[in-house]
All heavy atoms as atom14 arrays in JSON, in Angstrom:
{
  "sequence": "DTRSFTAQSLQFTLGIFDALLTFSLNIL",
  "atom14_mask": [
    [1, 1, 1, 1, 1, 1, 1, 1, 0, 0, 0, 0, 0, 0],
    [1, 1, 1, 1, 1, 1, 1, 0, 0, 0, 0, 0, 0, 0],
    [1, 1, 1, 1, 1, 1, 1, 1, 1, 1, 1, 0, 0, 0],
    [1, 1, 1, 1, 1, 1, 0, 0, 0, 0, 0, 0, 0, 0],
    [1, 1, 1, 1, 1, 1, 1, 1, 1, 1, 1, 0, 0, 0],
    [1, 1, 1, 1, 1, 1, 1, 0, 0, 0, 0, 0, 0, 0],
    [1, 1, 1, 1, 1, 0, 0, 0, 0, 0, 0, 0, 0, 0],
    [1, 1, 1, 1, 1, 1, 1, 1, 1, 0, 0, 0, 0, 0],
    [1, 1, 1, 1, 1, 1, 0, 0, 0, 0, 0, 0, 0, 0],
    [1, 1, 1, 1, 1, 1, 1, 1, 0, 0, 0, 0, 0, 0],
    [1, 1, 1, 1, 1, 1, 1, 1, 1, 0, 0, 0, 0, 0],
    [1, 1, 1, 1, 1, 1, 1, 1, 1, 1, 1, 0, 0, 0],
    [1, 1, 1, 1, 1, 1, 1, 0, 0, 0, 0, 0, 0, 0],
    [1, 1, 1, 1, 1, 1, 1, 1, 0, 0, 0, 0, 0, 0],
    [1, 1, 1, 1, 0, 0, 0, 0, 0, 0, 0, 0, 0, 0],
    [1, 1, 1, 1, 1, 1, 1, 1, 0, 0, 0, 0, 0, 0],
    [1, 1, 1, 1, 1, 1, 1, 1, 1, 1, 1, 0, 0, 0],
    [1, 1, 1, 1, 1, 1, 1, 1, 0, 0, 0, 0, 0, 0],
    [1, 1, 1, 1, 1, 0, 0, 0, 0, 0, 0, 0, 0, 0],
    [1, 1, 1, 1, 1, 1, 1, 1, 0, 0, 0, 0, 0, 0],
    [1, 1, 1, 1, 1, 1, 1, 1, 0, 0, 0, 0, 0, 0],
    [1, 1, 1, 1, 1, 1, 1, 0, 0, 0, 0, 0, 0, 0],
    [1, 1, 1, 1, 1, 1, 1, 1, 1, 1, 1, 0, 0, 0],
    [1, 1, 1, 1, 1, 1, 0, 0, 0, 0, 0, 0, 0, 0],
    [1, 1, 1, 1, 1, 1, 1, 1, 0, 0, 0, 0, 0, 0],
    [1, 1, 1, 1, 1, 1, 1, 1, 0, 0, 0, 0, 0, 0],
    [1, 1, 1, 1, 1, 1, 1, 1, 0, 0, 0, 0, 0, 0],
    [1, 1, 1, 1, 1, 1, 1, 1, 0, 0, 0, 0, 0, 0]
  ],
  "atom14_positions": [
    [[-38.08, 128.43, 0.59], [-39.03, 127.36, 0.28], [-39.84, 126.94, 1.5], [-41.04, 126.62, 1.39], [-38.3, 126.14, -0.29], [-37.74, 126.42, -1.68], [-38.03, 127.5, -2.22], [-37.01, 125.56, -2.22], [0.0, 0.0, 0.0], [0.0, 0.0, 0.0], [0.0, 0.0, 0.0], [0.0, 0.0, 0.0], [0.0, 0.0, 0.0], [0.0, 0.0, 0.0]],
    [[-39.22, 126.95, 2.68], [-39.94, 126.61, 3.9], [-41.0, 127.65, 4.21], [-42.14, 127.33, 4.57], [-38.96, 126.48, 5.08], [-38.01, 125.46, 4.8], [-39.7, 126.14, 6.36], [0.0, 0.0, 0.0], [0.0, 0.0, 0.0], [0.0, 0.0, 0.0], [0.0, 0.0, 0.0], [0.0, 0.0, 0.0], [0.0, 0.0, 0.0], [0.0, 0.0, 0.0]],
    [[-40.62, 128.94, 4.07], [-41.59, 130.0, 4.32], [-42.77, 129.91, 3.37], [-43.94, 130.0, 3.78], [-40.91, 131.37, 4.17], [-41.83, 132.54, 4.49], [-41.25, 133.87, 4.07], [-41.14, 133.96, 2.62], [-40.01, 134.11, 1.96], [-38.87, 134.17, 2.63], [-39.99, 134.19, 0.64], [0.0, 0.0, 0.0], [0.0, 0.0, 0.0], [0.0, 0.0, 0.0]],
    [[-42.48, 129.72, 2.08], [-43.56, 129.64, 1.09], [-44.43, 128.42, 1.32], [-45.66, 128.49, 1.22], [-42.95, 129.6, -0.32], [-42.21, 130.76, -0.59], [0.0, 0.0, 0.0], [0.0, 0.0, 0.0], [0.0, 0.0, 0.0], [0.0, 0.0, 0.0], [0.0, 0.0, 0.0], [0.0, 0.0, 0.0], [0.0, 0.0, 0.0], [0.0, 0.0, 0.0]],
    [[-43.8, 127.29, 1.64], [-44.57, 126.05, 1.82], [-45.55, 126.17, 2.98], [-46.73, 125.83, 2.83], [-43.63, 124.88, 2.06], [-44.35, 123.63, 2.52], [-45.09, 122.88, 1.63], [-44.32, 123.24, 3.85], [-45.78, 121.75, 2.05], [-44.99, 122.12, 4.28], [-45.73, 121.37, 3.38], [0.0, 0.0, 0.0], [0.0, 0.0, 0.0], [0.0, 0.0, 0.0]],
    [[-45.09, 126.63, 4.12], [-45.98, 126.7, 5.29], [-47.11, 127.69, 5.05], [-48.27, 127.42, 5.4], [-45.19, 127.08, 6.54], [-44.42, 128.27, 6.29], [-44.23, 125.97, 6.94], [0.0, 0.0, 0.0], [0.0, 0.0, 0.0], [0.0, 0.0, 0.0], [0.0, 0.0, 0.0], [0.0, 0.0, 0.0], [0.0, 0.0, 0.0], [0.0, 0.0, 0.0]],
    [[-46.79, 128.85, 4.45], [-47.82, 129.85, 4.21], [-48.83, 129.36, 3.17], [-50.05, 129.46, 3.38], [-47.19, 131.16, 3.74], [0.0, 0.0, 0.0], [0.0, 0.0, 0.0], [0.0, 0.0, 0.0], [0.0, 0.0, 0.0], [0.0, 0.0, 0.0], [0.0, 0.0, 0.0], [0.0, 0.0, 0.0], [0.0, 0.0, 0.0], [0.0, 0.0, 0.0]],
    [[-48.33, 128.79, 2.07], [-49.23, 128.34, 1.01], [-50.0, 127.1, 1.41], [-51.16, 126.93, 1.01], [-48.43, 128.09, -0.27], [-47.88, 129.36, -0.9], [-47.03, 129.08, -2.12], [-46.49, 127.99, -2.3], [-46.88, 130.07, -2.98], [0.0, 0.0, 0.0], [0.0, 0.0, 0.0], [0.0, 0.0, 0.0], [0.0, 0.0, 0.0], [0.0, 0.0, 0.0]],
    [[-49.39, 126.22, 2.22], [-50.1, 125.03, 2.68], [-51.33, 125.42, 3.49], [-52.43, 124.89, 3.29], [-49.18, 124.14, 3.52], [-48.18, 123.56, 2.73], [0.0, 0.0, 0.0], [0.0, 0.0, 0.0], [0.0, 0.0, 0.0], [0.0, 0.0, 0.0], [0.0, 0.0, 0.0], [0.0, 0.0, 0.0], [0.0, 0.0, 0.0], [0.0, 0.0, 0.0]],
    [[-51.14, 126.36, 4.41], [-52.28, 126.82, 5.2], [-53.29, 127.53, 4.31], [-54.51, 127.36, 4.47], [-51.8, 127.77, 6.3], [-51.21, 127.12, 7.54], [-50.71, 128.17, 8.52], [-52.23, 126.22, 8.22], [0.0, 0.0, 0.0], [0.0, 0.0, 0.0], [0.0, 0.0, 0.0], [0.0, 0.0, 0.0], [0.0, 0.0, 0.0], [0.0, 0.0, 0.0]],
    [[-52.78, 128.32, 3.37], [-53.68, 129.05, 2.48], [-54.56, 128.09, 1.69], [-55.79, 128.28, 1.61], [-52.87, 129.92, 1.52], [-53.7, 130.65, 0.48], [-52.84, 131.36, -0.55], [-51.65, 131.54, -0.36], [-53.45, 131.76, -1.66], [0.0, 0.0, 0.0], [0.0, 0.0, 0.0], [0.0, 0.0, 0.0], [0.0, 0.0, 0.0], [0.0, 0.0, 0.0]],
    [[-53.96, 127.05, 1.12], [-54.74, 126.12, 0.32], [-55.61, 125.2, 1.19], [-56.73, 124.87, 0.82], [-53.82, 125.3, -0.58], [-53.22, 126.09, -1.7], [-51.86, 126.16, -1.88], [-54.03, 126.78, -2.58], [-51.3, 126.89, -2.91], [-53.49, 127.53, -3.61], [-52.12, 127.59, -3.78], [0.0, 0.0, 0.0], [0.0, 0.0, 0.0], [0.0, 0.0, 0.0]],
    [[-55.06, 124.78, 2.33], [-55.86, 123.92, 3.22], [-57.1, 124.65, 3.7], [-58.23, 124.12, 3.64], [-55.02, 123.48, 4.43], [-53.88, 122.75, 3.97], [-55.84, 122.59, 5.35], [0.0, 0.0, 0.0], [0.0, 0.0, 0.0], [0.0, 0.0, 0.0], [0.0, 0.0, 0.0], [0.0, 0.0, 0.0], [0.0, 0.0, 0.0], [0.0, 0.0, 0.0]],
    [[-56.9, 125.88, 4.15], [-58.04, 126.67, 4.61], [-58.94, 127.05, 3.45], [-60.17, 127.16, 3.61], [-57.56, 127.91, 5.35], [-56.77, 127.65, 6.64], [-56.28, 128.95, 7.25], [-57.65, 126.9, 7.65], [0.0, 0.0, 0.0], [0.0, 0.0, 0.0], [0.0, 0.0, 0.0], [0.0, 0.0, 0.0], [0.0, 0.0, 0.0], [0.0, 0.0, 0.0]],
    [[-58.33, 127.26, 2.27], [-59.15, 127.54, 1.09], [-60.04, 126.37, 0.73], [-61.21, 126.56, 0.36], [0.0, 0.0, 0.0], [0.0, 0.0, 0.0], [0.0, 0.0, 0.0], [0.0, 0.0, 0.0], [0.0, 0.0, 0.0], [0.0, 0.0, 0.0], [0.0, 0.0, 0.0], [0.0, 0.0, 0.0], [0.0, 0.0, 0.0], [0.0, 0.0, 0.0]],
    [[-59.49, 125.15, 0.85], [-60.31, 123.95, 0.59], [-61.4, 123.82, 1.64], [-62.56, 123.51, 1.34], [-59.41, 122.71, 0.55], [-58.48, 122.75, -0.67], [-60.25, 121.43, 0.52], [-57.43, 121.67, -0.7], [0.0, 0.0, 0.0], [0.0, 0.0, 0.0], [0.0, 0.0, 0.0], [0.0, 0.0, 0.0], [0.0, 0.0, 0.0], [0.0, 0.0, 0.0]],
    [[-61.02, 124.02, 2.93], [-62.03, 123.99, 3.98], [-63.12, 125.03, 3.71], [-64.32, 124.75, 3.85], [-61.38, 124.28, 5.34], [-60.63, 123.11, 5.92], [-59.86, 123.27, 7.06], [-60.7, 121.86, 5.35], [-59.17, 122.21, 7.6], [-60.02, 120.78, 5.88], [-59.25, 120.96, 7.01], [0.0, 0.0, 0.0], [0.0, 0.0, 0.0], [0.0, 0.0, 0.0]],
    [[-62.69, 126.23, 3.34], [-63.64, 127.31, 3.06], [-64.57, 126.92, 1.91], [-65.79, 127.16, 1.96], [-62.85, 128.57, 2.72], [-63.72, 129.82, 2.74], [-64.82, 129.76, 3.32], [-63.31, 130.85, 2.18], [0.0, 0.0, 0.0], [0.0, 0.0, 0.0], [0.0, 0.0, 0.0], [0.0, 0.0, 0.0], [0.0, 0.0, 0.0], [0.0, 0.0, 0.0]],
    [[-63.97, 126.31, 0.87], [-64.78, 125.89, -0.27], [-65.79, 124.82, 0.13], [-66.96, 124.86, -0.28], [-63.87, 125.37, -1.39], [0.0, 0.0, 0.0], [0.0, 0.0, 0.0], [0.0, 0.0, 0.0], [0.0, 0.0, 0.0], [0.0, 0.0, 0.0], [0.0, 0.0, 0.0], [0.0, 0.0, 0.0], [0.0, 0.0, 0.0], [0.0, 0.0, 0.0]],
    [[-65.34, 123.86, 0.95], [-66.26, 122.81, 1.4], [-67.39, 123.38, 2.25], [-68.56, 122.98, 2.11], [-65.48, 121.75, 2.19], [-64.51, 120.88, 1.39], [-63.69, 120.0, 2.33], [-65.28, 120.01, 0.4], [0.0, 0.0, 0.0], [0.0, 0.0, 0.0], [0.0, 0.0, 0.0], [0.0, 0.0, 0.0], [0.0, 0.0, 0.0], [0.0, 0.0, 0.0]],
    [[-67.03, 124.3, 3.15], [-68.04, 124.89, 4.01], [-69.02, 125.74, 3.2], [-70.24, 125.7, 3.42], [-67.37, 125.75, 5.09], [-66.49, 124.99, 6.08], [-65.74, 125.95, 6.99], [-67.32, 124.02, 6.91], [0.0, 0.0, 0.0], [0.0, 0.0, 0.0], [0.0, 0.0, 0.0], [0.0, 0.0, 0.0], [0.0, 0.0, 0.0], [0.0, 0.0, 0.0]],
    [[-68.46, 126.53, 2.28], [-69.32, 127.35, 1.42], [-70.26, 126.47, 0.6], [-71.46, 126.77, 0.47], [-68.45, 128.21, 0.47], [-67.6, 129.05, 1.25], [-69.31, 129.07, -0.42], [0.0, 0.0, 0.0], [0.0, 0.0, 0.0], [0.0, 0.0, 0.0], [0.0, 0.0, 0.0], [0.0, 0.0, 0.0], [0.0, 0.0, 0.0], [0.0, 0.0, 0.0]],
    [[-69.71, 125.4, 0.06], [-70.53, 124.48, -0.72], [-71.64, 123.87, 0.15], [-72.81, 123.82, -0.26], [-69.64, 123.38, -1.3], [-70.38, 122.32, -2.06], [-70.73, 122.52, -3.39], [-70.75, 121.13, -1.45], [-71.42, 121.55, -4.09], [-71.43, 120.15, -2.14], [-71.77, 120.36, -3.46], [0.0, 0.0, 0.0], [0.0, 0.0, 0.0], [0.0, 0.0, 0.0]],
    [[-71.26, 123.41, 1.34], [-72.23, 122.74, 2.22], [-73.35, 123.67, 2.64], [-74.52, 123.26, 2.72], [-71.52, 122.2, 3.46], [-70.49, 121.31, 3.1], [0.0, 0.0, 0.0], [0.0, 0.0, 0.0], [0.0, 0.0, 0.0], [0.0, 0.0, 0.0], [0.0, 0.0, 0.0], [0.0, 0.0, 0.0], [0.0, 0.0, 0.0], [0.0, 0.0, 0.0]],
    [[-73.01, 124.93, 2.9], [-74.02, 125.87, 3.4], [-74.91, 126.43, 2.3], [-76.01, 126.91, 2.59], [-73.32, 127.03, 4.13], [-72.65, 126.68, 5.46], [-71.82, 127.84, 5.96], [-73.7, 126.29, 6.5], [0.0, 0.0, 0.0], [0.0, 0.0, 0.0], [0.0, 0.0, 0.0], [0.0, 0.0, 0.0], [0.0, 0.0, 0.0], [0.0, 0.0, 0.0]],
    [[-74.47, 126.4, 1.06], [-75.22, 127.04, -0.02], [-75.84, 126.08, -1.02], [-76.73, 126.47, -1.77], [-74.32, 128.03, -0.77], [-73.99, 129.25, 0.06], [-74.76, 130.22, 0.13], [-72.83, 129.23, 0.7], [0.0, 0.0, 0.0], [0.0, 0.0, 0.0], [0.0, 0.0, 0.0], [0.0, 0.0, 0.0], [0.0, 0.0, 0.0], [0.0, 0.0, 0.0]],
    [[-75.34, 124.82, -1.05], [-75.87, 123.9, -2.05], [-77.34, 123.56, -1.79], [-78.14, 123.44, -2.74], [-75.0, 122.61, -2.1], [-75.41, 121.74, -3.29], [-75.09, 121.84, -0.81], [-75.17, 122.41, -4.63], [0.0, 0.0, 0.0], [0.0, 0.0, 0.0], [0.0, 0.0, 0.0], [0.0, 0.0, 0.0], [0.0, 0.0, 0.0], [0.0, 0.0, 0.0]],
    [[-77.71, 123.44, -0.51], [-79.12, 123.16, -0.2], [-80.01, 124.32, -0.59], [-81.14, 124.13, -1.09], [-79.27, 122.85, 1.29], [-78.66, 121.54, 1.79], [-78.85, 121.4, 3.3], [-79.29, 120.36, 1.07], [0.0, 0.0, 0.0], [0.0, 0.0, 0.0], [0.0, 0.0, 0.0], [0.0, 0.0, 0.0], [0.0, 0.0, 0.0], [0.0, 0.0, 0.0]]
  ]
}
């Protein structure tokens, strides 16, 4: 559970960051 949590937390956090950045750069 610790291995999955740390890997998935980073995956989703960076995925959210990626989504925000993608949105910010392309919405205009």
